[in-house]
Amino acid sequence: MYRIGDNDNPFRFEEWKNLSEPQRAKPYPGPIGGATEKCTAPPDAATAKGPDQAKIQAPLPVKEMVLALDIVTFLASTYRERLKRIDSSVSELQETRRDLVNKRLIKEVWLGKVLLLAPTAELYAILGMKSPYRRNVCDFHSFLILVAAKLIEPSPVVKYVKPEVSLGDSSSTVDLIAYLKDGNRWAYEIIHKSVTNVSANAAKLQGKGFSQMVFLCTDFNIKQRVWALIRNAGFAPEFLSTVRCTIFSSLFRQRKQLKLRDTP
């Protein structure tokens, strides 16, 4: 035993430790400053588990943390909007963006000429947040649904929106429903890569009480293919008159015209 008294307790003693013997690692704070939870694994133990896990457990550099927090807070912000909001030079922010991409904490998502940054489930874990994705991994489709909700809800005709809503049975859902102020409902299906199930997605919306069914596509070429498939699928003219095809870029333009910005 040896004395290590301080102002609060001048008679405090602690067991003597042989520095030549291996010592038990002390807990170190988690990656977020001010967090109440602590991680019991020291950095060297994290490295021993593998480089990917080490990246998740290790704190982020300040510049990366600033951009990461901005990304999860403003999901539907374009990269240009982030440049205006974050106090950083263009070159520094681009370097920080590349660092987060290389660590697989974000993914670059191009919607026409609009660049978005999609946070992965691993980034939410680092920040101590619950992932908003319905699955345990970063789901590109789920991210687009959340972005669509943030772009659609500010519309003056929309009261509120709901993502991933069941249509009455366990195997049938609609990506997004917009509940309008006049009592009508619009159904949205997000199409970003495959168009093979477009006709089936249109068919499942028939007779569900939607005044409009919108196929929201990632680019113009996909939009053209979607409309061609639906138009040639044999649906009645009355149903086709309620179907719309649009692209994400149009929603971003509408938001700009309304002078709206992405909000938390």
Protein backbone atom coordinates (compact mmCIF):
# COMPACT_ATOMS: atom_id res chain seq x y z
CA MET A 1 0.00 0.00 0.00
CA TYR A 2 1.08 3.57 -0.59
CA ARG A 3 -0.38 6.95 0.17
CA ILE A 4 -1.89 9.04 -2.68
CA GLY A 5 -3.71 11.66 -0.60
CA ASP A 6 -5.37 14.63 -2.26
CA ASN A 7 -7.27 17.70 -1.10
CA ASP A 8 -10.52 15.82 -0.74
CA ASN A 9 -9.03 12.90 1.13
CA PRO A 10 -5.44 13.37 2.41
CA PHE A 11 -5.41 9.90 3.96
CA ARG A 12 -6.42 7.89 0.85
CA PHE A 13 -4.29 4.83 0.13
CA GLU A 14 -4.04 2.59 -2.89
CA GLU A 15 -2.54 -0.85 -3.38
CA TRP A 16 1.01 -0.79 -4.74
CA LYS A 17 1.30 -1.90 -8.35
CA ASN A 18 4.29 -3.53 -9.97
CA LEU A 19 4.78 -1.66 -13.24
CA SER A 20 6.65 -4.62 -14.71
CA GLU A 21 3.46 -6.70 -14.60
CA PRO A 22 0.63 -6.29 -17.16
CA GLN A 23 -2.11 -4.02 -15.87
CA ARG A 24 -5.83 -4.18 -16.49
CA ALA A 25 -6.95 -1.60 -19.04
CA LYS A 26 -9.09 1.20 -17.70
CA PRO A 27 -12.37 2.14 -19.40
CA TYR A 28 -12.13 5.00 -21.83
CA PRO A 29 -14.91 7.38 -22.87
CA GLY A 30 -16.99 6.61 -25.94
CA PRO A 31 -16.61 8.57 -29.16
CA ILE A 32 -19.07 11.34 -28.32
CA GLY A 33 -17.95 14.09 -25.96
CA GLY A 34 -20.20 14.31 -22.92
CA ALA A 35 -21.68 10.84 -23.47
CA THR A 36 -22.76 9.04 -20.32
CA GLU A 37 -21.89 5.59 -21.58
CA LYS A 38 -18.32 4.29 -21.63
CA CYS A 39 -16.68 1.61 -23.67
CA THR A 40 -14.69 -0.94 -21.67
CA ALA A 41 -12.41 -1.91 -24.57
CA PRO A 42 -9.21 0.16 -24.89
CA PRO A 43 -8.05 1.26 -28.34
CA ASP A 44 -5.42 -1.48 -28.58
CA ALA A 45 -8.02 -4.13 -27.83
CA ALA A 46 -10.23 -2.69 -30.58
CA THR A 47 -7.36 -2.97 -33.04
CA ALA A 48 -6.84 -6.59 -32.08
CA LYS A 49 -10.41 -7.38 -33.10
CA GLY A 50 -9.89 -6.16 -36.65
CA PRO A 51 -9.55 -2.84 -38.49
CA ASP A 52 -13.27 -2.44 -39.21
CA GLN A 53 -14.29 -2.79 -35.56
CA ALA A 54 -11.43 -0.54 -34.51
CA LYS A 55 -12.78 2.23 -36.74
CA ILE A 56 -16.22 1.89 -35.19
CA GLN A 57 -14.97 2.01 -31.60
CA ALA A 58 -12.35 4.72 -32.06
CA PRO A 59 -13.42 8.38 -31.79
CA LEU A 60 -13.67 10.40 -34.98
CA PRO A 61 -11.41 13.39 -35.66
CA VAL A 62 -13.07 16.73 -35.04
CA LYS A 63 -13.62 17.59 -38.72
CA GLU A 64 -15.14 14.20 -39.41
CA MET A 65 -17.38 14.49 -36.35
CA VAL A 66 -18.67 17.89 -37.48
CA LEU A 67 -19.59 16.59 -40.92
CA ALA A 68 -21.01 13.35 -39.51
CA LEU A 69 -23.34 15.20 -37.14
CA ASP A 70 -24.47 17.48 -39.95
CA ILE A 71 -25.24 14.47 -42.16
CA VAL A 72 -27.40 12.62 -39.63
CA THR A 73 -29.15 15.85 -38.61
CA PHE A 74 -29.93 17.06 -42.13
CA LEU A 75 -30.51 13.89 -44.14
CA ALA A 76 -31.94 15.57 -47.23
CA SER A 77 -29.36 18.33 -47.53
CA THR A 78 -27.45 18.56 -50.76
CA TYR A 79 -23.67 18.72 -50.64
CA ARG A 80 -23.79 22.37 -51.74
CA GLU A 81 -26.03 23.19 -48.80
CA ARG A 82 -23.55 21.55 -46.45
CA LEU A 83 -20.73 23.66 -47.91
CA LYS A 84 -22.66 26.78 -46.96
CA ARG A 85 -23.57 25.54 -43.49
CA ILE A 86 -20.27 24.06 -42.28
CA ASP A 87 -17.42 26.43 -41.44
CA SER A 88 -14.78 24.73 -43.58
CA SER A 89 -13.04 25.29 -46.88
CA VAL A 90 -14.18 23.37 -49.94
CA SER A 91 -10.97 21.34 -50.11
CA GLU A 92 -11.09 20.47 -46.39
CA LEU A 93 -14.70 19.35 -46.57
CA GLN A 94 -14.02 17.26 -49.65
CA GLU A 95 -11.12 15.56 -47.86
CA THR A 96 -13.29 14.92 -44.81
CA ARG A 97 -16.01 13.49 -47.02
CA ARG A 98 -13.53 11.11 -48.66
CA ASP A 99 -12.27 10.01 -45.24
CA LEU A 100 -15.80 9.10 -44.10
CA VAL A 101 -16.46 7.28 -47.38
CA ASN A 102 -13.22 5.29 -47.07
CA LYS A 103 -14.19 4.29 -43.53
CA ARG A 104 -17.56 3.13 -44.90
CA LEU A 105 -19.40 5.47 -42.56
CA ILE A 106 -21.19 7.30 -45.36
CA LYS A 107 -22.13 6.58 -48.97
CA GLU A 108 -22.31 9.07 -51.81
CA VAL A 109 -25.74 9.10 -53.47
CA TRP A 110 -26.27 10.86 -56.78
CA LEU A 111 -29.87 11.79 -57.63
CA GLY A 112 -29.46 13.27 -61.06
CA LYS A 113 -27.05 16.17 -60.52
CA VAL A 114 -27.76 16.31 -56.78
CA LEU A 115 -25.21 14.74 -54.42
CA LEU A 116 -26.42 13.42 -51.07
CA LEU A 117 -24.40 11.80 -48.31
CA ALA A 118 -26.07 8.76 -46.78
CA PRO A 119 -25.03 7.76 -43.24
CA THR A 120 -24.50 4.05 -42.64
CA ALA A 121 -25.69 2.13 -39.60
CA GLU A 122 -22.08 2.10 -38.41
CA LEU A 123 -22.00 5.90 -38.31
CA TYR A 124 -25.14 5.98 -36.16
CA ALA A 125 -23.45 3.51 -33.81
CA ILE A 126 -20.40 5.75 -33.47
CA LEU A 127 -22.61 8.72 -32.68
CA GLY A 128 -24.54 6.75 -30.08
CA MET A 129 -27.77 7.05 -32.06
CA LYS A 130 -30.35 4.50 -33.07
CA SER A 131 -30.31 3.83 -36.79
CA PRO A 132 -33.52 5.00 -38.50
CA TYR A 133 -33.20 2.24 -41.08
CA ARG A 134 -35.62 -0.63 -40.68
CA ARG A 135 -32.81 -3.15 -41.17
CA ASN A 136 -29.56 -3.51 -39.25
CA VAL A 137 -27.42 -2.51 -42.22
CA CYS A 138 -27.38 0.67 -44.25
CA ASP A 139 -30.21 0.21 -46.71
CA PHE A 140 -30.06 2.47 -49.75
CA HIS A 141 -33.81 2.12 -50.29
CA SER A 142 -34.63 3.04 -46.68
CA PHE A 143 -32.41 6.11 -46.95
CA LEU A 144 -34.25 7.27 -50.07
CA ILE A 145 -37.59 6.82 -48.30
CA LEU A 146 -36.44 9.09 -45.45
CA VAL A 147 -35.16 11.68 -47.93
CA ALA A 148 -38.43 11.56 -49.85
CA ALA A 149 -40.39 12.10 -46.64
CA LYS A 150 -38.35 15.23 -45.83
CA LEU A 151 -38.87 16.60 -49.34
CA ILE A 152 -42.60 15.86 -49.54
CA GLU A 153 -43.82 16.83 -46.07
CA PRO A 154 -43.05 20.60 -46.32
CA SER A 155 -45.43 20.90 -49.30
CA PRO A 156 -48.27 23.33 -48.51
CA VAL A 157 -50.86 20.71 -49.51
CA VAL A 158 -49.44 17.95 -47.27
CA LYS A 159 -50.50 17.54 -43.64
CA TYR A 160 -48.03 14.78 -42.73
CA VAL A 161 -46.33 11.71 -44.17
CA LYS A 162 -45.78 8.12 -43.01
CA PRO A 163 -42.97 5.87 -44.31
CA GLU A 164 -43.26 2.14 -45.00
CA VAL A 165 -46.97 1.66 -44.30
CA SER A 166 -48.69 -1.73 -44.42
CA LEU A 167 -51.48 -2.07 -46.96
CA GLY A 168 -53.40 -4.55 -44.85
CA ASP A 169 -51.39 -7.73 -45.07
CA SER A 170 -47.97 -8.73 -43.80
CA SER A 171 -46.31 -8.92 -47.21
CA SER A 172 -47.58 -5.73 -48.83
CA THR A 173 -46.37 -2.25 -47.93
CA VAL A 174 -46.13 1.12 -49.60
CA ASP A 175 -42.91 3.09 -49.30
CA LEU A 176 -44.55 6.36 -48.29
CA ILE A 177 -48.02 7.82 -47.84
CA ALA A 178 -48.67 11.56 -47.90
CA TYR A 179 -51.82 12.59 -46.04
CA LEU A 180 -53.14 15.77 -47.60
CA LYS A 181 -54.90 18.63 -45.87
CA ASP A 182 -58.00 18.05 -48.01
CA GLY A 183 -58.34 14.45 -46.75
CA ASN A 184 -56.89 12.68 -49.78
CA ARG A 185 -53.91 10.33 -49.69
CA TRP A 186 -51.04 9.95 -52.12
CA ALA A 187 -48.99 6.76 -52.29
CA TYR A 188 -45.29 6.91 -53.18
CA GLU A 189 -43.11 4.07 -54.42
CA ILE A 190 -39.35 4.69 -54.62
CA ILE A 191 -37.65 3.27 -57.72
CA HIS A 192 -33.87 3.50 -57.78
CA LYS A 193 -32.46 0.57 -59.71
CA SER A 194 -34.62 -2.39 -60.64
CA VAL A 195 -37.89 -1.82 -62.52
CA THR A 196 -38.92 -5.47 -62.78
CA ASN A 197 -41.57 -5.19 -60.04
CA VAL A 198 -43.04 -1.88 -61.14
CA SER A 199 -46.26 -3.34 -62.57
CA ALA A 200 -46.79 -5.45 -59.44
CA ASN A 201 -46.23 -2.40 -57.25
CA ALA A 202 -48.82 -0.50 -59.26
CA ALA A 203 -51.30 -3.36 -59.05
CA LYS A 204 -51.07 -3.60 -55.26
CA LEU A 205 -52.14 0.05 -54.98
CA GLN A 206 -55.38 -0.45 -56.89
CA GLY A 207 -58.51 -0.17 -54.79
CA LYS A 208 -56.64 1.12 -51.72
CA GLY A 209 -58.25 4.55 -51.72
CA PHE A 210 -55.33 6.60 -53.00
CA SER A 211 -56.23 9.63 -55.08
CA GLN A 212 -52.77 9.58 -56.65
CA MET A 213 -49.98 7.02 -56.97
CA VAL A 214 -46.51 8.46 -57.52
CA PHE A 215 -43.46 6.51 -58.68
CA LEU A 216 -40.49 8.52 -57.45
CA CYS A 217 -37.37 7.65 -59.47
CA THR A 218 -33.70 8.43 -58.98
CA ASP A 219 -33.12 9.68 -62.54
CA PHE A 220 -34.88 10.53 -65.79
CA ASN A 221 -34.02 7.29 -67.63
CA ILE A 222 -35.51 5.14 -64.89
CA LYS A 223 -38.58 7.36 -64.88
CA GLN A 224 -39.09 6.77 -68.62
CA ARG A 225 -38.75 3.00 -68.21
CA VAL A 226 -41.18 2.94 -65.28
CA TRP A 227 -43.85 4.86 -67.16
CA ALA A 228 -43.49 2.66 -70.25
CA LEU A 229 -43.94 -0.51 -68.18
CA ILE A 230 -47.01 0.80 -66.36
CA ARG A 231 -48.57 2.21 -69.51
CA ASN A 232 -48.20 -1.14 -71.32
CA ALA A 233 -49.27 -3.34 -68.38
CA GLY A 234 -52.96 -3.35 -69.35
CA PHE A 235 -54.31 -1.15 -66.56
CA ALA A 236 -57.65 0.59 -67.08
CA PRO A 237 -57.48 4.23 -68.28
CA GLU A 238 -59.17 5.36 -65.05
CA PHE A 239 -56.36 3.89 -62.99
CA LEU A 240 -53.61 5.19 -65.29
CA SER A 241 -55.00 8.70 -64.89
CA THR A 242 -54.10 8.55 -61.18
CA VAL A 243 -50.51 7.37 -61.74
CA ARG A 244 -47.64 9.85 -61.81
CA CYS A 245 -43.92 9.38 -62.44
CA THR A 246 -41.39 11.92 -61.24
CA ILE A 247 -37.75 12.19 -60.15
CA PHE A 248 -36.03 13.32 -56.97
CA SER A 249 -34.50 16.31 -58.76
CA SER A 250 -37.99 17.72 -59.27
CA LEU A 251 -38.65 17.60 -55.54
CA PHE A 252 -35.38 19.40 -54.83
CA ARG A 253 -36.34 22.11 -57.34
CA GLN A 254 -39.74 22.48 -55.70
CA ARG A 255 -38.10 22.85 -52.32
CA LYS A 256 -35.81 25.53 -53.70
CA GLN A 257 -38.75 27.40 -55.23
CA LEU A 258 -40.55 27.31 -51.89
CA LYS A 259 -37.34 28.57 -50.25
CA LEU A 260 -37.34 25.61 -47.90
CA ARG A 261 -34.30 23.90 -46.47
CA ASP A 262 -33.72 20.53 -44.91
CA THR A 263 -34.66 20.60 -41.22
CA PRO A 264 -33.83 18.15 -38.43
